[in-house]
Structures are given as C-alpha cells and as structure tokens.
Amino acid sequence: METRADRIFNLLENTREGRLSVGEIAINIAQTEGVDRIHPSIISSTVRQDNKSRDQRGLAPRFNHSGDGNETRGYVSIRRKIKQSTTIKSLVKNAETQIPVIIEKSNEKVKDELKKPF
C-alpha cells in the first residue's frame, strides 16, 4: 500500500533537482489524492514522521527538511544515499553516516532471505 510519504518521495524523485517547496508538494499531492487542498503543515509532518519511523526501524531517512538542518526552511528534498565505506578506518571516521547505511543493507538482505520459500 502506497503511503502519502511514498507519494511525496515519488513526486520529488520525478523533479529535476529532487527538491520542492512544501507548498508545491501540497498542491501536487492534493491533486494526486483527489482532494481540494492539503495544508502544507501536513506535508512537513508526514516527512518528519516518515524519517522518524524509518530511523526507528533501522532504515536511513529518505527526506531532508528544515527541521533536521539539512534543508532550507519551507523546502523538502530527497536525502541521497551515502556510499558505503569500504575500510574500517573510513567507517569509524564517518560512523554517523555509515552505520545507518550498513543497517539498511543488512535489513534488506534479511528481508530477501525471509521472502524465499522454504
């Protein structure tokens, strides 16, 4: 089932820069969902909640927003995946960014294994 966060991510993925204002996202998502209007605060809240939920599940957050200090106020963008370090030294040096990537890859591997028939 596609969530509103998924629709926001797909919308950003299909933009040239992977970045839109919260107002632009609200207009596009309202049209997609067939409603008259979505308040921009709903978009901001959805993005923050999606990042928080993914972080709690050991997945890398997928959005940048002003609340996390990675985006200009009023804008949302796609958080680009960080290339995984190949050496212990670079892993330790960049642990804050590398550990979520490693966890996400491990989780994907386990999910694939669980999907295989017995």
N, C-alpha and C. Protein backbone atom coordinates (compact mmCIF):
# COMPACT_ATOMS: atom_id res chain seq x y z
N MET A 1 0.84 -1.17 0.00
CA MET A 1 0.00 0.00 0.00
C MET A 1 0.89 1.25 0.00
N GLU A 2 0.62 2.14 -0.91
CA GLU A 2 1.42 3.35 -1.03
C GLU A 2 0.95 4.38 0.00
N THR A 3 1.87 4.92 0.74
CA THR A 3 1.55 5.93 1.75
C THR A 3 1.72 7.32 1.16
N ARG A 4 1.28 8.31 1.91
CA ARG A 4 1.47 9.70 1.48
C ARG A 4 2.96 10.01 1.38
N ALA A 5 3.75 9.48 2.32
CA ALA A 5 5.21 9.69 2.27
C ALA A 5 5.78 9.09 0.99
N ASP A 6 5.27 7.94 0.57
CA ASP A 6 5.72 7.33 -0.68
C ASP A 6 5.39 8.24 -1.86
N ARG A 7 4.17 8.81 -1.84
CA ARG A 7 3.78 9.71 -2.94
C ARG A 7 4.66 10.96 -2.96
N ILE A 8 5.00 11.49 -1.79
CA ILE A 8 5.89 12.65 -1.73
C ILE A 8 7.26 12.27 -2.28
N PHE A 9 7.77 11.12 -1.88
CA PHE A 9 9.07 10.68 -2.36
C PHE A 9 9.06 10.51 -3.88
N ASN A 10 8.01 9.88 -4.43
CA ASN A 10 7.91 9.69 -5.88
C ASN A 10 7.83 11.03 -6.61
N LEU A 11 7.09 11.98 -6.03
CA LEU A 11 7.00 13.30 -6.63
C LEU A 11 8.37 13.97 -6.68
N LEU A 12 9.10 13.91 -5.57
CA LEU A 12 10.43 14.52 -5.53
C LEU A 12 11.40 13.81 -6.47
N GLU A 13 11.25 12.50 -6.56
CA GLU A 13 12.12 11.73 -7.46
C GLU A 13 11.94 12.14 -8.91
N ASN A 14 10.74 12.57 -9.25
CA ASN A 14 10.43 12.94 -10.63
C ASN A 14 10.66 14.41 -10.92
N THR A 15 11.21 15.14 -9.96
CA THR A 15 11.57 16.53 -10.21
C THR A 15 13.05 16.58 -10.60
N ARG A 16 13.39 17.62 -11.26
CA ARG A 16 14.75 17.76 -11.77
C ARG A 16 15.81 17.74 -10.67
N GLU A 17 15.55 18.45 -9.60
CA GLU A 17 16.53 18.58 -8.53
C GLU A 17 16.25 17.71 -7.32
N GLY A 18 15.09 17.00 -7.31
CA GLY A 18 14.72 16.21 -6.15
C GLY A 18 14.36 17.07 -4.96
N ARG A 19 13.84 18.28 -5.28
CA ARG A 19 13.58 19.27 -4.22
C ARG A 19 12.40 20.14 -4.65
N LEU A 20 11.45 20.36 -3.72
CA LEU A 20 10.32 21.25 -3.96
C LEU A 20 9.95 21.97 -2.67
N SER A 21 9.21 23.07 -2.82
CA SER A 21 8.71 23.73 -1.63
C SER A 21 7.56 22.91 -1.06
N VAL A 22 7.33 23.06 0.22
CA VAL A 22 6.25 22.33 0.89
C VAL A 22 4.91 22.68 0.24
N GLY A 23 4.74 23.94 -0.13
CA GLY A 23 3.50 24.37 -0.79
C GLY A 23 3.28 23.68 -2.12
N GLU A 24 4.34 23.56 -2.93
CA GLU A 24 4.24 22.88 -4.21
C GLU A 24 3.90 21.40 -4.02
N ILE A 25 4.52 20.79 -3.02
CA ILE A 25 4.24 19.38 -2.73
C ILE A 25 2.78 19.22 -2.33
N ALA A 26 2.28 20.12 -1.48
CA ALA A 26 0.89 20.05 -1.02
C ALA A 26 -0.09 20.12 -2.19
N ILE A 27 0.16 21.01 -3.13
CA ILE A 27 -0.71 21.15 -4.30
C ILE A 27 -0.70 19.87 -5.13
N ASN A 28 0.49 19.35 -5.41
CA ASN A 28 0.62 18.13 -6.21
C ASN A 28 0.00 16.91 -5.54
N ILE A 29 0.23 16.76 -4.25
CA ILE A 29 -0.30 15.61 -3.53
C ILE A 29 -1.82 15.70 -3.42
N ALA A 30 -2.36 16.90 -3.23
CA ALA A 30 -3.82 17.08 -3.20
C ALA A 30 -4.43 16.64 -4.53
N GLN A 31 -3.81 17.01 -5.64
CA GLN A 31 -4.31 16.58 -6.95
C GLN A 31 -4.22 15.07 -7.10
N THR A 32 -3.11 14.49 -6.68
CA THR A 32 -2.91 13.05 -6.77
C THR A 32 -3.95 12.30 -5.94
N GLU A 33 -4.25 12.82 -4.76
CA GLU A 33 -5.18 12.16 -3.86
C GLU A 33 -6.64 12.54 -4.13
N GLY A 34 -6.86 13.47 -5.05
CA GLY A 34 -8.21 13.86 -5.43
C GLY A 34 -8.96 14.66 -4.37
N VAL A 35 -8.22 15.48 -3.64
CA VAL A 35 -8.84 16.35 -2.63
C VAL A 35 -8.60 17.80 -3.03
N ASP A 36 -9.41 18.70 -2.47
CA ASP A 36 -9.30 20.11 -2.82
C ASP A 36 -8.00 20.73 -2.36
N ARG A 37 -7.60 20.38 -1.10
CA ARG A 37 -6.44 21.07 -0.53
C ARG A 37 -5.82 20.22 0.57
N ILE A 38 -4.52 20.28 0.67
CA ILE A 38 -3.80 19.70 1.80
C ILE A 38 -2.96 20.83 2.38
N HIS A 39 -3.08 21.04 3.67
CA HIS A 39 -2.34 22.12 4.32
C HIS A 39 -0.84 21.75 4.30
N PRO A 40 0.03 22.70 3.99
CA PRO A 40 1.47 22.43 3.94
C PRO A 40 2.04 21.83 5.23
N SER A 41 1.43 22.15 6.37
CA SER A 41 1.93 21.57 7.63
C SER A 41 1.77 20.06 7.65
N ILE A 42 0.77 19.55 6.93
CA ILE A 42 0.57 18.09 6.84
C ILE A 42 1.75 17.46 6.10
N ILE A 43 2.22 18.13 5.07
CA ILE A 43 3.37 17.63 4.31
C ILE A 43 4.60 17.59 5.21
N SER A 44 4.86 18.67 5.91
CA SER A 44 6.02 18.72 6.81
C SER A 44 5.93 17.64 7.87
N SER A 45 4.76 17.47 8.44
CA SER A 45 4.56 16.46 9.47
C SER A 45 4.76 15.05 8.91
N THR A 46 4.26 14.80 7.72
CA THR A 46 4.41 13.49 7.07
C THR A 46 5.88 13.17 6.85
N VAL A 47 6.63 14.14 6.37
CA VAL A 47 8.05 13.94 6.10
C VAL A 47 8.82 13.66 7.39
N ARG A 48 8.56 14.45 8.42
CA ARG A 48 9.25 14.22 9.70
C ARG A 48 8.91 12.86 10.28
N GLN A 49 7.62 12.49 10.23
CA GLN A 49 7.20 11.21 10.79
C GLN A 49 7.79 10.04 10.00
N ASP A 50 7.86 10.17 8.68
CA ASP A 50 8.44 9.11 7.86
C ASP A 50 9.92 8.93 8.21
N ASN A 51 10.65 10.02 8.34
CA ASN A 51 12.07 9.93 8.72
C ASN A 51 12.23 9.28 10.09
N LYS A 52 11.39 9.69 11.03
CA LYS A 52 11.47 9.14 12.39
C LYS A 52 11.15 7.64 12.39
N SER A 53 10.13 7.27 11.67
CA SER A 53 9.72 5.86 11.60
C SER A 53 10.81 5.01 10.96
N ARG A 54 11.38 5.50 9.86
CA ARG A 54 12.45 4.75 9.19
C ARG A 54 13.68 4.63 10.10
N ASP A 55 14.00 5.69 10.81
CA ASP A 55 15.14 5.67 11.72
C ASP A 55 14.92 4.63 12.83
N GLN A 56 13.71 4.56 13.36
CA GLN A 56 13.40 3.59 14.42
C GLN A 56 13.46 2.15 13.92
N ARG A 57 13.22 1.96 12.63
CA ARG A 57 13.28 0.60 12.06
C ARG A 57 14.67 0.26 11.54
N GLY A 58 15.63 1.16 11.73
CA GLY A 58 16.99 0.90 11.29
C GLY A 58 17.22 1.20 9.82
N LEU A 59 16.32 1.98 9.21
CA LEU A 59 16.47 2.38 7.82
C LEU A 59 16.95 3.82 7.75
N ALA A 60 17.63 4.14 6.69
CA ALA A 60 18.11 5.52 6.51
C ALA A 60 16.91 6.42 6.17
N PRO A 61 16.81 7.58 6.82
CA PRO A 61 15.74 8.54 6.46
C PRO A 61 15.85 8.92 4.99
N ARG A 62 14.71 9.20 4.36
CA ARG A 62 14.76 9.48 2.92
C ARG A 62 14.49 10.93 2.54
N PHE A 63 14.21 11.79 3.53
CA PHE A 63 13.94 13.20 3.23
C PHE A 63 14.87 14.12 4.00
N ASN A 64 15.19 15.26 3.39
CA ASN A 64 15.83 16.39 4.07
C ASN A 64 14.74 17.42 4.28
N HIS A 65 14.74 18.06 5.44
CA HIS A 65 13.79 19.15 5.70
C HIS A 65 14.45 20.12 6.68
N SER A 66 13.84 21.28 6.81
CA SER A 66 14.47 22.32 7.63
C SER A 66 14.60 21.91 9.09
N GLY A 67 13.72 21.06 9.57
CA GLY A 67 13.77 20.63 10.97
C GLY A 67 15.00 19.82 11.32
N ASP A 68 15.61 19.17 10.33
CA ASP A 68 16.82 18.39 10.60
C ASP A 68 18.08 19.16 10.24
N GLY A 69 17.91 20.40 9.80
CA GLY A 69 19.05 21.25 9.48
C GLY A 69 19.72 20.96 8.15
N ASN A 70 19.09 20.11 7.34
CA ASN A 70 19.68 19.75 6.05
C ASN A 70 19.00 20.40 4.85
N GLU A 71 18.04 21.29 5.11
CA GLU A 71 17.31 21.90 4.01
C GLU A 71 16.87 23.30 4.40
N THR A 72 16.66 24.14 3.41
CA THR A 72 16.18 25.50 3.62
C THR A 72 14.75 25.45 4.13
N ARG A 73 14.40 26.38 4.99
CA ARG A 73 13.05 26.42 5.55
C ARG A 73 12.01 26.47 4.43
N GLY A 74 10.99 25.60 4.54
CA GLY A 74 9.91 25.59 3.56
C GLY A 74 10.15 24.66 2.39
N TYR A 75 11.24 23.92 2.41
CA TYR A 75 11.55 23.00 1.31
C TYR A 75 11.79 21.59 1.83
N VAL A 76 11.55 20.63 0.95
CA VAL A 76 11.82 19.23 1.24
C VAL A 76 12.60 18.68 0.05
N SER A 77 13.58 17.85 0.32
CA SER A 77 14.35 17.22 -0.75
C SER A 77 14.63 15.77 -0.40
N ILE A 78 15.06 15.04 -1.40
CA ILE A 78 15.42 13.64 -1.20
C ILE A 78 16.80 13.58 -0.58
N ARG A 79 16.92 12.78 0.44
CA ARG A 79 18.22 12.55 1.07
C ARG A 79 18.92 11.48 0.24
N ARG A 80 19.99 11.86 -0.36
CA ARG A 80 20.73 10.93 -1.22
C ARG A 80 21.41 9.87 -0.37
N LYS A 81 21.40 8.66 -0.89
CA LYS A 81 22.06 7.58 -0.19
C LYS A 81 23.56 7.82 -0.20
N ILE A 82 24.16 7.54 0.91
CA ILE A 82 25.59 7.73 1.07
C ILE A 82 26.29 6.44 0.69
N LYS A 83 27.33 6.56 -0.07
CA LYS A 83 28.09 5.39 -0.47
C LYS A 83 28.70 4.73 0.77
N GLN A 84 28.58 3.42 0.82
CA GLN A 84 29.08 2.69 1.97
C GLN A 84 30.61 2.67 1.98
N SER A 85 31.17 2.88 3.16
CA SER A 85 32.62 2.84 3.32
C SER A 85 33.13 1.42 3.10
N THR A 86 34.34 1.33 2.61
CA THR A 86 34.91 0.01 2.36
C THR A 86 36.01 -0.35 3.35
N THR A 87 36.49 0.61 4.11
CA THR A 87 37.54 0.31 5.07
C THR A 87 37.07 0.62 6.48
N ILE A 88 37.65 -0.06 7.44
CA ILE A 88 37.31 0.17 8.84
C ILE A 88 37.63 1.62 9.21
N LYS A 89 38.76 2.13 8.73
CA LYS A 89 39.18 3.50 9.06
C LYS A 89 38.12 4.51 8.59
N SER A 90 37.65 4.36 7.35
CA SER A 90 36.66 5.31 6.84
C SER A 90 35.30 5.11 7.52
N LEU A 91 34.99 3.87 7.92
CA LEU A 91 33.76 3.61 8.65
C LEU A 91 33.76 4.33 9.99
N VAL A 92 34.85 4.20 10.72
CA VAL A 92 34.96 4.83 12.03
C VAL A 92 34.95 6.35 11.89
N LYS A 93 35.63 6.85 10.89
CA LYS A 93 35.72 8.29 10.67
C LYS A 93 34.33 8.88 10.36
N ASN A 94 33.51 8.13 9.63
CA ASN A 94 32.19 8.60 9.21
C ASN A 94 31.08 7.74 9.81
N ALA A 95 31.27 7.29 11.03
CA ALA A 95 30.32 6.35 11.65
C ALA A 95 28.89 6.87 11.65
N GLU A 96 28.71 8.14 11.90
CA GLU A 96 27.36 8.70 11.99
C GLU A 96 26.57 8.52 10.69
N THR A 97 27.24 8.60 9.56
CA THR A 97 26.54 8.43 8.29
C THR A 97 26.62 7.00 7.76
N GLN A 98 27.66 6.26 8.13
CA GLN A 98 27.84 4.93 7.58
C GLN A 98 27.03 3.84 8.28
N ILE A 99 26.87 3.94 9.59
CA ILE A 99 26.16 2.89 10.32
C ILE A 99 24.72 2.73 9.83
N PRO A 100 23.94 3.81 9.62
CA PRO A 100 22.58 3.61 9.09
C PRO A 100 22.58 2.93 7.72
N VAL A 101 23.56 3.21 6.89
CA VAL A 101 23.65 2.58 5.57
C VAL A 101 23.89 1.08 5.73
N ILE A 102 24.79 0.71 6.61
CA ILE A 102 25.10 -0.70 6.85
C ILE A 102 23.88 -1.42 7.42
N ILE A 103 23.19 -0.80 8.35
CA ILE A 103 21.99 -1.41 8.93
C ILE A 103 20.92 -1.61 7.87
N GLU A 104 20.72 -0.60 7.04
CA GLU A 104 19.70 -0.71 5.99
C GLU A 104 20.02 -1.84 5.02
N LYS A 105 21.28 -1.95 4.62
CA LYS A 105 21.67 -3.04 3.71
C LYS A 105 21.48 -4.40 4.38
N SER A 106 21.81 -4.50 5.65
CA SER A 106 21.62 -5.76 6.38
C SER A 106 20.15 -6.11 6.48
N ASN A 107 19.31 -5.12 6.77
CA ASN A 107 17.87 -5.36 6.85
C ASN A 107 17.31 -5.82 5.51
N GLU A 108 17.76 -5.22 4.42
CA GLU A 108 17.31 -5.62 3.09
C GLU A 108 17.70 -7.06 2.81
N LYS A 109 18.90 -7.44 3.20
CA LYS A 109 19.38 -8.80 2.99
C LYS A 109 18.51 -9.81 3.76
N VAL A 110 18.19 -9.49 5.01
CA VAL A 110 17.36 -10.37 5.83
C VAL A 110 15.96 -10.47 5.24
N LYS A 111 15.38 -9.35 4.80
CA LYS A 111 14.05 -9.36 4.20
C LYS A 111 14.03 -10.26 2.97
N ASP A 112 15.06 -10.16 2.13
CA ASP A 112 15.14 -11.02 0.93
C ASP A 112 15.19 -12.49 1.31
N GLU A 113 15.96 -12.80 2.35
CA GLU A 113 16.06 -14.18 2.81
C GLU A 113 14.73 -14.69 3.34
N LEU A 114 14.00 -13.84 4.05
CA LEU A 114 12.71 -14.23 4.62
C LEU A 114 11.65 -14.45 3.55
N LYS A 115 11.79 -13.79 2.42
CA LYS A 115 10.83 -13.93 1.32
C LYS A 115 11.01 -15.22 0.54
N LYS A 116 12.18 -15.82 0.66
CA LYS A 116 12.46 -17.06 -0.09
C LYS A 116 11.64 -18.21 0.49
N PRO A 117 11.11 -19.07 -0.39
CA PRO A 117 10.34 -20.23 0.10
C PRO A 117 11.26 -21.23 0.81
N PHE A 118 10.68 -21.99 1.70
CA PHE A 118 11.45 -22.98 2.47
C PHE A 118 11.94 -24.10 1.62
